[in-house]
N, C-alpha and C. Protein backbone atom coordinates (compact mmCIF):
# COMPACT_ATOMS: atom_id res chain seq x y z
N MET A 1 50.33 38.34 -31.30
CA MET A 1 51.47 38.50 -31.42
C MET A 1 52.71 38.48 -31.03
N LYS A 2 53.83 37.33 -30.21
CA LYS A 2 54.97 38.57 -29.68
C LYS A 2 55.86 39.10 -30.57
N ILE A 3 56.69 39.57 -30.15
CA ILE A 3 57.64 40.39 -31.18
C ILE A 3 58.79 39.57 -30.48
N TYR A 4 58.99 38.90 -30.14
CA TYR A 4 59.96 38.13 -29.87
C TYR A 4 60.22 36.92 -30.59
N THR A 5 60.70 35.94 -31.12
CA THR A 5 60.83 35.04 -31.37
C THR A 5 61.70 34.14 -31.37
N LYS A 6 62.90 33.99 -30.74
CA LYS A 6 63.95 33.35 -29.65
C LYS A 6 65.07 33.17 -31.08
N THR A 7 64.57 32.77 -32.38
CA THR A 7 64.78 32.00 -33.73
C THR A 7 66.30 32.79 -33.95
N GLY A 8 66.88 33.96 -33.11
CA GLY A 8 68.24 34.51 -33.49
C GLY A 8 68.75 34.61 -32.72
N ASP A 9 68.90 34.10 -31.56
CA ASP A 9 69.60 34.05 -30.15
C ASP A 9 71.02 33.02 -30.14
N ALA A 10 70.85 32.71 -31.65
CA ALA A 10 72.39 31.82 -32.14
C ALA A 10 73.32 32.83 -32.94
N GLY A 11 72.83 34.37 -32.92
CA GLY A 11 73.43 35.22 -33.86
C GLY A 11 73.28 34.85 -35.42
N GLU A 12 72.03 34.42 -35.73
CA GLU A 12 71.46 34.14 -36.98
C GLU A 12 70.29 35.12 -36.95
N THR A 13 69.80 35.52 -38.48
CA THR A 13 68.96 36.15 -38.49
C THR A 13 67.87 35.59 -40.44
N GLY A 14 66.62 35.87 -40.33
CA GLY A 14 66.26 35.47 -41.30
C GLY A 14 66.13 36.38 -42.97
N LEU A 15 66.12 36.19 -44.10
CA LEU A 15 65.93 37.08 -44.94
C LEU A 15 64.56 37.22 -45.36
N PHE A 16 63.81 38.19 -46.17
CA PHE A 16 63.11 37.53 -47.14
C PHE A 16 63.06 36.54 -47.95
N GLY A 17 62.49 35.94 -47.74
CA GLY A 17 62.93 34.66 -48.68
C GLY A 17 63.11 33.26 -47.89
N GLY A 18 63.28 33.29 -46.75
CA GLY A 18 63.62 32.44 -46.08
C GLY A 18 64.84 31.99 -45.64
N ASP A 19 66.00 32.09 -45.80
CA ASP A 19 67.34 32.32 -45.97
C ASP A 19 68.08 32.67 -44.46
N ARG A 20 68.53 32.04 -43.49
CA ARG A 20 68.98 32.63 -42.39
C ARG A 20 70.58 32.73 -43.01
N VAL A 21 71.10 33.88 -42.34
CA VAL A 21 72.34 34.28 -41.64
C VAL A 21 72.79 34.65 -41.17
N SER A 22 74.17 35.67 -40.99
CA SER A 22 74.89 35.54 -39.47
C SER A 22 74.21 37.42 -39.56
N LYS A 23 73.94 37.62 -38.19
CA LYS A 23 73.67 38.72 -38.17
C LYS A 23 74.88 40.22 -38.55
N ALA A 24 75.97 39.34 -38.49
CA ALA A 24 77.44 40.22 -38.71
C ALA A 24 77.59 39.96 -40.03
N SER A 25 76.96 39.74 -40.80
CA SER A 25 77.02 39.59 -41.94
C SER A 25 77.14 41.26 -43.04
N LEU A 26 77.60 41.27 -43.84
CA LEU A 26 77.71 42.31 -44.37
C LEU A 26 75.75 43.33 -44.94
N GLN A 27 75.35 41.74 -45.75
CA GLN A 27 74.16 41.97 -45.75
C GLN A 27 73.08 43.35 -44.80
N VAL A 28 73.38 42.25 -43.88
CA VAL A 28 72.64 42.40 -42.57
C VAL A 28 73.06 43.90 -42.17
N GLU A 29 74.16 43.74 -41.87
CA GLU A 29 74.71 45.58 -41.30
C GLU A 29 74.19 46.33 -42.38
N THR A 30 74.31 45.99 -44.02
CA THR A 30 73.98 47.57 -44.42
C THR A 30 72.51 47.53 -44.26
N TYR A 31 71.52 47.11 -44.04
CA TYR A 31 69.96 47.25 -44.17
C TYR A 31 70.11 47.70 -43.02
N GLY A 32 70.89 47.19 -41.71
CA GLY A 32 70.50 47.88 -40.29
C GLY A 32 70.63 49.29 -40.21
N GLU A 33 72.20 50.01 -41.28
CA GLU A 33 72.55 50.65 -41.10
C GLU A 33 70.97 51.93 -42.15
N VAL A 34 70.64 51.17 -43.01
CA VAL A 34 69.47 52.15 -43.35
C VAL A 34 68.24 51.82 -42.20
N ASP A 35 68.27 51.63 -41.68
CA ASP A 35 67.23 51.11 -40.64
C ASP A 35 67.27 52.36 -39.67
N GLU A 36 69.04 52.25 -39.25
CA GLU A 36 69.21 53.69 -38.50
C GLU A 36 69.10 54.63 -39.29
N LEU A 37 69.14 54.94 -40.50
CA LEU A 37 68.69 56.30 -40.84
C LEU A 37 67.68 56.76 -41.35
N ASN A 38 66.80 55.61 -41.77
CA ASN A 38 65.42 56.14 -41.30
C ASN A 38 65.31 56.48 -39.77
N SER A 39 65.33 55.89 -38.73
CA SER A 39 65.37 56.20 -37.71
C SER A 39 66.03 58.16 -37.23
N THR A 40 67.17 57.66 -37.63
CA THR A 40 67.45 59.28 -37.61
C THR A 40 66.72 60.58 -38.57
N VAL A 41 66.16 59.74 -39.93
CA VAL A 41 65.23 60.91 -40.42
C VAL A 41 64.08 61.07 -39.75
N GLY A 42 63.45 60.13 -39.01
CA GLY A 42 62.62 60.25 -37.97
C GLY A 42 62.48 61.16 -37.13
N TRP A 43 63.55 61.40 -37.11
CA TRP A 43 63.91 62.11 -35.27
C TRP A 43 64.47 63.65 -35.47
N ALA A 44 64.91 63.91 -37.08
CA ALA A 44 65.16 64.97 -37.99
C ALA A 44 63.69 65.49 -38.20
N ARG A 45 62.93 64.82 -38.56
CA ARG A 45 61.53 65.20 -39.10
C ARG A 45 60.83 65.64 -38.08
N VAL A 46 60.48 65.33 -36.08
CA VAL A 46 60.24 66.63 -35.28
C VAL A 46 60.26 67.32 -35.24
N ALA A 47 61.37 67.80 -36.08
CA ALA A 47 62.25 69.17 -35.74
C ALA A 47 61.68 69.94 -37.26
N ALA A 48 61.02 69.12 -37.84
CA ALA A 48 60.29 70.28 -39.30
C ALA A 48 59.82 70.86 -39.63
N SER A 49 59.97 72.42 -39.79
CA SER A 49 58.95 73.16 -39.60
C SER A 49 57.97 73.84 -40.48
N ASP A 50 57.03 72.71 -41.28
CA ASP A 50 56.05 73.17 -41.95
C ASP A 50 55.50 71.44 -42.29
N PRO A 51 54.34 71.59 -42.86
CA PRO A 51 53.70 70.56 -43.64
C PRO A 51 54.03 70.09 -44.86
N GLU A 52 55.05 70.54 -45.59
CA GLU A 52 55.58 70.52 -47.13
C GLU A 52 56.81 69.97 -46.70
N LEU A 53 57.46 70.43 -45.94
CA LEU A 53 58.69 69.32 -45.48
C LEU A 53 58.51 67.86 -44.21
N ASP A 54 57.54 68.31 -43.93
CA ASP A 54 56.75 67.04 -43.42
C ASP A 54 56.60 65.75 -44.20
N ALA A 55 55.69 65.98 -45.40
CA ALA A 55 55.43 65.19 -45.96
C ALA A 55 57.14 64.66 -46.68
N LEU A 56 57.94 64.95 -47.41
CA LEU A 56 58.71 65.25 -47.54
C LEU A 56 59.85 63.72 -47.02
N LEU A 57 59.62 64.20 -45.60
CA LEU A 57 60.65 63.43 -45.12
C LEU A 57 59.14 61.71 -44.82
N ASN A 58 58.18 62.19 -44.45
CA ASN A 58 57.35 60.87 -44.55
C ASN A 58 57.87 59.98 -45.80
N GLN A 59 57.81 60.61 -46.82
CA GLN A 59 58.22 60.28 -48.39
C GLN A 59 59.08 59.02 -48.11
N ILE A 60 60.43 59.87 -47.90
CA ILE A 60 61.81 59.02 -47.57
C ILE A 60 61.80 57.94 -46.71
N GLN A 61 61.12 58.68 -45.07
CA GLN A 61 61.03 57.20 -44.81
C GLN A 61 60.38 55.58 -45.19
N ASN A 62 59.27 56.28 -45.94
CA ASN A 62 58.67 55.05 -46.37
C ASN A 62 59.85 54.22 -47.49
N ASP A 63 60.36 55.27 -48.31
CA ASP A 63 61.36 54.86 -48.87
C ASP A 63 62.58 54.35 -48.48
N LEU A 64 62.41 54.16 -47.47
CA LEU A 64 64.00 53.90 -47.16
C LEU A 64 63.13 52.76 -46.52
N PHE A 65 62.25 52.75 -46.22
CA PHE A 65 61.67 50.72 -46.10
C PHE A 65 61.92 49.82 -47.15
N GLU A 66 61.54 50.86 -48.15
CA GLU A 66 61.97 49.81 -49.61
C GLU A 66 63.00 49.51 -49.93
N VAL A 67 64.04 50.63 -49.54
CA VAL A 67 65.79 50.17 -49.30
C VAL A 67 65.78 48.62 -48.68
N GLY A 68 65.89 49.10 -47.88
CA GLY A 68 65.60 47.77 -46.62
C GLY A 68 65.32 46.97 -47.11
N ALA A 69 63.87 46.86 -47.25
CA ALA A 69 63.45 45.45 -47.86
C ALA A 69 64.06 44.93 -48.84
N GLU A 70 64.18 45.13 -49.56
CA GLU A 70 65.50 45.04 -50.67
C GLU A 70 66.22 44.76 -50.79
N LEU A 71 67.09 45.29 -49.75
CA LEU A 71 68.62 44.44 -49.12
C LEU A 71 68.44 43.20 -48.30
N GLY A 72 67.05 43.32 -47.54
CA GLY A 72 66.65 42.16 -46.64
C GLY A 72 66.52 40.89 -46.94
N SER A 73 66.46 41.01 -48.85
CA SER A 73 66.02 39.84 -49.48
C SER A 73 66.97 38.88 -49.82
N THR A 74 66.19 37.79 -50.09
CA THR A 74 67.45 37.10 -51.21
C THR A 74 67.39 37.36 -52.47
N ALA A 75 68.14 36.50 -53.15
CA ALA A 75 68.48 36.61 -54.62
C ALA A 75 66.93 36.45 -55.21
N GLU A 76 66.75 35.46 -54.99
CA GLU A 76 65.40 34.60 -55.49
C GLU A 76 64.03 35.14 -55.10
N ARG A 77 64.27 36.01 -53.89
CA ARG A 77 63.00 36.49 -53.52
C ARG A 77 63.13 37.75 -54.32
N LYS A 78 63.92 38.18 -54.08
CA LYS A 78 63.92 39.79 -55.17
C LYS A 78 63.65 39.16 -56.86
N GLN A 79 63.94 38.46 -57.36
CA GLN A 79 63.56 37.97 -59.26
C GLN A 79 62.12 37.95 -58.75
N LYS A 80 61.33 37.27 -57.83
CA LYS A 80 59.77 36.89 -57.73
C LYS A 80 58.97 38.09 -57.04
N SER A 81 59.54 38.93 -55.92
CA SER A 81 58.78 39.85 -55.69
C SER A 81 58.30 40.63 -56.24
N THR A 82 56.90 41.08 -55.92
CA THR A 82 56.17 42.62 -56.09
C THR A 82 56.47 43.61 -55.48
N MET A 83 57.53 43.43 -54.21
CA MET A 83 57.45 44.98 -53.50
C MET A 83 57.83 45.50 -54.16
N PRO A 84 57.91 46.63 -53.77
CA PRO A 84 57.91 48.62 -54.24
C PRO A 84 59.41 48.50 -54.59
N LEU A 85 60.26 48.74 -55.72
CA LEU A 85 61.46 48.90 -55.46
C LEU A 85 61.96 50.06 -55.72
N ILE A 86 63.05 51.27 -55.58
CA ILE A 86 63.25 52.48 -55.36
C ILE A 86 63.53 52.45 -57.47
N THR A 87 62.54 53.66 -57.75
CA THR A 87 62.96 54.06 -58.76
C THR A 87 63.67 55.16 -59.50
N GLU A 88 64.03 55.32 -60.50
CA GLU A 88 64.79 56.30 -61.31
C GLU A 88 64.02 57.83 -60.63
N GLY A 89 62.10 57.66 -60.59
CA GLY A 89 61.82 58.71 -60.20
C GLY A 89 62.03 59.12 -59.27
N GLN A 90 62.27 57.90 -58.36
CA GLN A 90 62.35 58.23 -56.23
C GLN A 90 63.78 59.39 -56.61
N VAL A 91 64.42 58.70 -57.24
CA VAL A 91 66.13 60.00 -57.23
C VAL A 91 65.48 61.21 -57.87
N GLU A 92 64.94 60.92 -58.96
CA GLU A 92 64.37 63.00 -59.43
C GLU A 92 63.35 63.21 -58.48
N ALA A 93 63.16 62.71 -57.19
CA ALA A 93 62.38 64.00 -56.58
C ALA A 93 63.00 64.33 -55.43
N LEU A 94 63.85 63.49 -55.68
CA LEU A 94 65.59 64.03 -54.33
C LEU A 94 66.32 65.28 -55.21
N GLU A 95 66.30 65.02 -56.13
CA GLU A 95 67.24 66.30 -56.92
C GLU A 95 66.21 67.26 -57.09
N ARG A 96 64.85 67.18 -57.23
CA ARG A 96 63.49 68.28 -56.53
C ARG A 96 63.77 68.80 -55.72
N ALA A 97 63.67 68.22 -54.76
CA ALA A 97 63.52 68.67 -53.17
C ALA A 97 65.10 69.41 -53.03
N ILE A 98 65.51 68.52 -53.15
CA ILE A 98 67.41 69.60 -52.83
C ILE A 98 67.31 70.94 -53.91
N ASP A 99 66.63 71.00 -55.01
CA ASP A 99 66.71 72.46 -55.81
C ASP A 99 65.63 73.20 -54.88
N GLN A 100 64.49 72.53 -54.32
CA GLN A 100 64.02 73.81 -53.88
C GLN A 100 64.19 74.03 -52.60
N TYR A 101 64.58 73.59 -51.88
CA TYR A 101 65.18 73.79 -50.32
C TYR A 101 66.07 74.49 -50.40
N GLU A 102 67.13 74.73 -51.48
CA GLU A 102 68.41 75.37 -51.65
C GLU A 102 68.33 76.38 -52.27
N GLU A 103 67.08 77.11 -52.53
CA GLU A 103 66.67 78.28 -52.75
C GLU A 103 66.77 79.33 -51.54
N GLY A 104 66.56 78.89 -50.26
CA GLY A 104 66.00 79.65 -49.14
C GLY A 104 67.48 80.50 -48.70
N PRO A 105 68.23 79.19 -47.98
CA PRO A 105 69.50 79.64 -47.63
C PRO A 105 70.52 80.23 -48.50
N PRO A 106 71.80 81.16 -48.15
CA PRO A 106 72.13 82.21 -49.09
C PRO A 106 73.46 80.77 -49.54
N PRO A 107 74.12 81.35 -50.66
CA PRO A 107 75.18 80.52 -51.23
C PRO A 107 75.94 80.28 -50.74
N LEU A 108 76.66 79.01 -50.89
CA LEU A 108 77.50 78.73 -49.89
C LEU A 108 79.37 79.12 -50.19
N THR A 109 79.67 79.66 -49.28
CA THR A 109 81.02 80.38 -49.79
C THR A 109 82.11 79.79 -48.95
N SER A 110 82.02 78.69 -48.19
CA SER A 110 82.80 77.70 -47.69
C SER A 110 82.48 76.77 -46.89
N PHE A 111 83.19 75.46 -46.74
CA PHE A 111 83.09 74.65 -46.12
C PHE A 111 81.55 74.61 -44.78
N VAL A 112 81.02 74.20 -43.92
CA VAL A 112 79.76 74.64 -43.09
C VAL A 112 80.17 73.35 -41.95
N LEU A 113 80.30 73.75 -40.47
CA LEU A 113 80.20 72.50 -39.34
C LEU A 113 78.76 72.61 -39.43
N PRO A 114 78.77 70.81 -38.70
CA PRO A 114 77.34 70.57 -38.20
C PRO A 114 77.30 71.20 -37.19
N GLY A 115 75.60 72.16 -36.89
CA GLY A 115 75.11 72.15 -36.14
C GLY A 115 74.55 73.67 -36.36
N GLY A 116 74.53 74.87 -35.34
CA GLY A 116 73.35 76.15 -35.27
C GLY A 116 72.22 75.60 -34.79
N SER A 117 71.02 75.26 -35.75
CA SER A 117 69.63 75.10 -35.02
C SER A 117 69.81 73.72 -34.56
N GLU A 118 68.98 73.43 -33.47
CA GLU A 118 68.39 72.13 -33.48
C GLU A 118 68.02 71.17 -34.72
N GLY A 119 67.02 71.76 -35.43
CA GLY A 119 67.04 71.49 -36.74
C GLY A 119 67.90 70.38 -37.34
N ALA A 120 68.94 71.78 -37.57
CA ALA A 120 70.13 71.47 -38.50
C ALA A 120 71.04 70.16 -37.83
N ALA A 121 71.09 70.39 -37.04
CA ALA A 121 72.37 69.45 -36.05
C ALA A 121 71.40 67.90 -36.41
N ARG A 122 70.19 67.91 -36.46
CA ARG A 122 69.64 66.37 -36.43
C ARG A 122 70.01 66.08 -37.74
N PHE A 123 69.46 67.23 -38.90
CA PHE A 123 69.46 66.91 -39.88
C PHE A 123 71.11 66.45 -40.43
N HIS A 124 72.48 67.52 -39.94
CA HIS A 124 73.43 66.39 -40.08
C HIS A 124 73.77 65.48 -39.26
N VAL A 125 72.88 65.18 -38.35
CA VAL A 125 73.73 63.53 -37.52
C VAL A 125 72.76 62.67 -38.90
N ALA A 126 71.70 63.00 -39.09
CA ALA A 126 71.06 61.58 -40.79
C ALA A 126 71.74 61.85 -41.34
N ARG A 127 72.71 62.82 -41.64
CA ARG A 127 73.24 62.96 -43.58
C ARG A 127 74.71 62.47 -42.63
N CYS A 128 75.22 62.31 -41.91
CA CYS A 128 75.88 61.22 -41.72
C CYS A 128 75.98 59.86 -41.72
N VAL A 129 74.94 59.65 -41.01
CA VAL A 129 74.61 58.18 -40.91
C VAL A 129 73.82 57.70 -42.42
N CYS A 130 73.67 58.31 -43.22
CA CYS A 130 73.48 58.46 -44.80
C CYS A 130 74.84 57.95 -45.60
N ARG A 131 75.88 58.82 -45.19
CA ARG A 131 76.90 58.44 -45.73
C ARG A 131 77.70 57.27 -45.12
N ARG A 132 77.48 56.75 -43.73
CA ARG A 132 78.15 55.11 -43.34
C ARG A 132 76.77 54.15 -44.03
N ALA A 133 75.91 54.71 -44.22
CA ALA A 133 74.80 53.56 -45.09
C ALA A 133 75.26 53.28 -46.36
N GLU A 134 75.42 54.58 -47.13
CA GLU A 134 76.48 54.33 -48.38
C GLU A 134 77.75 53.80 -48.26
N ARG A 135 78.06 53.50 -47.65
CA ARG A 135 79.89 53.19 -47.87
C ARG A 135 79.34 51.65 -47.72
N SER A 136 78.75 51.23 -46.72
CA SER A 136 78.42 50.02 -46.34
C SER A 136 77.43 48.96 -48.13
N LEU A 137 76.65 50.39 -48.52
CA LEU A 137 76.05 50.08 -49.84
C LEU A 137 76.85 49.28 -50.53
N VAL A 138 77.71 50.14 -50.87
CA VAL A 138 79.13 50.15 -51.95
C VAL A 138 79.79 49.06 -51.88
N ALA A 139 79.99 48.74 -50.57
CA ALA A 139 81.14 47.65 -49.98
C ALA A 139 80.19 46.24 -50.21
N LEU A 140 78.33 46.25 -50.15
CA LEU A 140 77.90 45.04 -50.04
C LEU A 140 77.74 45.44 -51.94
N GLY A 141 77.93 46.03 -53.07
CA GLY A 141 77.45 45.92 -54.28
C GLY A 141 78.70 45.44 -54.74
N ALA A 142 79.98 45.06 -54.23
CA ALA A 142 81.81 44.62 -54.01
C ALA A 142 80.74 43.39 -54.55
N GLN A 143 79.91 43.29 -53.36
CA GLN A 143 80.34 41.58 -53.05
C GLN A 143 78.79 40.71 -53.86
N GLU A 144 77.93 41.72 -54.35
CA GLU A 144 77.01 41.37 -54.66
C GLU A 144 76.06 42.22 -55.72
N THR A 145 75.36 41.65 -56.78
CA THR A 145 74.65 42.72 -57.85
C THR A 145 73.61 43.37 -57.10
N LEU A 146 73.31 45.01 -57.00
CA LEU A 146 72.83 45.94 -56.44
C LEU A 146 72.49 46.23 -57.87
N ARG A 147 70.99 46.59 -57.61
CA ARG A 147 70.71 47.93 -58.50
C ARG A 147 71.23 49.25 -58.48
N GLY A 148 71.60 49.97 -59.36
CA GLY A 148 72.48 51.41 -59.27
C GLY A 148 71.53 52.27 -58.82
N GLU A 149 69.99 51.86 -58.94
CA GLU A 149 68.75 53.04 -58.57
C GLU A 149 68.93 53.06 -56.84
N LEU A 150 69.37 51.82 -55.84
CA LEU A 150 69.79 52.29 -54.54
C LEU A 150 71.03 53.15 -54.47
N LEU A 151 72.06 53.11 -55.29
CA LEU A 151 73.49 53.81 -54.50
C LEU A 151 72.72 55.13 -54.87
N ARG A 152 72.02 55.49 -56.41
CA ARG A 152 72.24 56.89 -56.47
C ARG A 152 71.30 57.50 -55.92
N TYR A 153 70.24 56.81 -55.15
CA TYR A 153 69.06 57.50 -54.01
C TYR A 153 69.46 57.59 -52.57
N ILE A 154 70.85 56.55 -52.18
CA ILE A 154 70.73 56.79 -51.10
C ILE A 154 72.15 58.16 -51.06
N ASN A 155 72.82 58.20 -52.35
CA ASN A 155 74.14 59.19 -52.55
C ASN A 155 73.12 60.54 -52.66
N ARG A 156 71.63 60.69 -53.23
CA ARG A 156 71.04 61.51 -53.27
C ARG A 156 70.71 62.47 -51.63
N LEU A 157 70.06 61.47 -51.31
CA LEU A 157 69.51 61.60 -50.09
C LEU A 157 70.27 62.44 -48.45
N SER A 158 71.40 61.71 -48.98
CA SER A 158 72.67 62.68 -48.29
C SER A 158 73.46 63.77 -48.58
N ASP A 159 72.95 64.04 -50.12
CA ASP A 159 73.48 65.36 -50.16
C ASP A 159 71.56 66.83 -49.78
N LEU A 160 70.76 65.92 -49.99
CA LEU A 160 69.07 66.27 -49.90
C LEU A 160 69.60 67.00 -47.75
N LEU A 161 69.75 65.72 -47.44
CA LEU A 161 69.86 66.46 -45.67
C LEU A 161 71.08 66.98 -45.14
N PHE A 162 72.05 67.01 -46.37
CA PHE A 162 73.14 68.68 -45.86
C PHE A 162 72.24 69.85 -46.52
N VAL A 163 71.28 69.55 -47.59
CA VAL A 163 70.77 71.18 -47.79
C VAL A 163 69.34 71.17 -46.90
N LEU A 164 69.10 70.44 -46.24
CA LEU A 164 68.17 70.58 -45.17
C LEU A 164 68.28 70.75 -44.02
N ALA A 165 69.27 70.94 -43.55
CA ALA A 165 70.45 71.07 -42.25
C ALA A 165 70.37 73.24 -42.84
N ARG A 166 70.98 73.10 -43.47
CA ARG A 166 71.09 74.39 -43.85
C ARG A 166 69.48 75.23 -44.00
N TYR A 167 68.51 74.55 -44.73
CA TYR A 167 67.29 75.07 -44.78
C TYR A 167 66.84 75.39 -42.91
N ALA A 168 67.34 74.78 -42.55
CA ALA A 168 66.59 74.50 -41.17
C ALA A 168 67.50 75.43 -40.25
N ASN A 169 68.92 75.99 -40.36
CA ASN A 169 69.67 76.78 -39.94
C ASN A 169 68.43 78.29 -40.32
N HIS A 170 68.55 78.50 -41.86
CA HIS A 170 67.45 79.82 -42.36
C HIS A 170 66.29 79.98 -42.08
N ARG A 171 65.55 78.45 -41.55
CA ARG A 171 64.07 78.99 -40.97
C ARG A 171 63.89 79.39 -40.10
N ALA A 172 65.31 79.11 -38.80
CA ALA A 172 65.64 79.14 -37.45
C ALA A 172 65.87 80.54 -37.39
N GLY A 173 66.61 81.35 -38.50
CA GLY A 173 67.25 82.99 -38.56
C GLY A 173 68.50 81.85 -38.02
N VAL A 174 69.56 81.42 -38.22
CA VAL A 174 70.44 80.90 -37.55
C VAL A 174 71.67 80.75 -38.70
N GLU A 175 72.64 81.31 -38.69
CA GLU A 175 73.74 80.96 -39.14
C GLU A 175 74.62 79.60 -39.63
N ASP A 176 74.72 79.27 -40.94
CA ASP A 176 75.74 78.43 -40.25
C ASP A 176 76.84 79.10 -40.12
N ILE A 177 77.56 77.83 -39.57
CA ILE A 177 78.86 77.54 -38.80
C ILE A 177 80.14 77.37 -39.61
N PRO A 178 80.52 78.69 -39.89
CA PRO A 178 81.80 78.51 -41.63
C PRO A 178 83.05 77.69 -40.50
N TRP A 179 82.93 77.09 -41.47
CA TRP A 179 84.62 76.08 -41.06
C TRP A 179 85.69 77.39 -41.34
N LYS A 180 86.94 76.99 -39.89
CA LYS A 180 87.31 77.96 -40.87
C LYS A 180 89.07 77.74 -40.76
N GLY A 181 88.66 76.58 -40.78
CA GLY A 181 90.63 76.08 -41.63
C GLY A 181 91.52 75.97 -40.42
N LEU A 182 92.92 75.68 -40.71
CA LEU A 182 93.98 75.73 -40.07
C LEU A 182 94.00 76.93 -39.36
N GLY A 183 93.90 77.65 -40.37
CA GLY A 183 94.53 79.33 -40.19
C GLY A 183 93.20 80.41 -39.56
N GLY A 184 92.40 79.36 -39.47
CA GLY A 184 90.98 80.21 -38.80
C GLY A 184 90.78 80.16 -37.31
């Protein structure tokens, strides 16, 4: 099978279900940002410090494929599909991971600047991409009906990515960089 189809040469792409839409549509932008998020999670994953964290990030990457598939589907396909959908259980799994990885680093006493160790910096980049995907998801939700689990999942994921950045610094023996503010 060839990777190129030439069907997108005029600026349109196909959704799961057959409809063709502009590559500039908010729907395509949103699932594209989820795809970019998945790539940045993969980039952060290569700096994962242990097998348990690697397994968590692997699950998140698979979950993000589910999010993207749902966002890239026509309304009719979503109604008839048996594709896996993000569930409240997956949102709760992120919450448990947040609680688990928040235990290691010292409590926050100020805002922190992105950075520190390389692993932390990668998680911070993923967090920012996650927030951008979340903003697009909210905008898309203003135009069409989306399941609440999608937004809750992406919102929790950004929180987890922040916690993982702090965890990565803690594991590397690098302190978070406190924001000093205007007077600092």
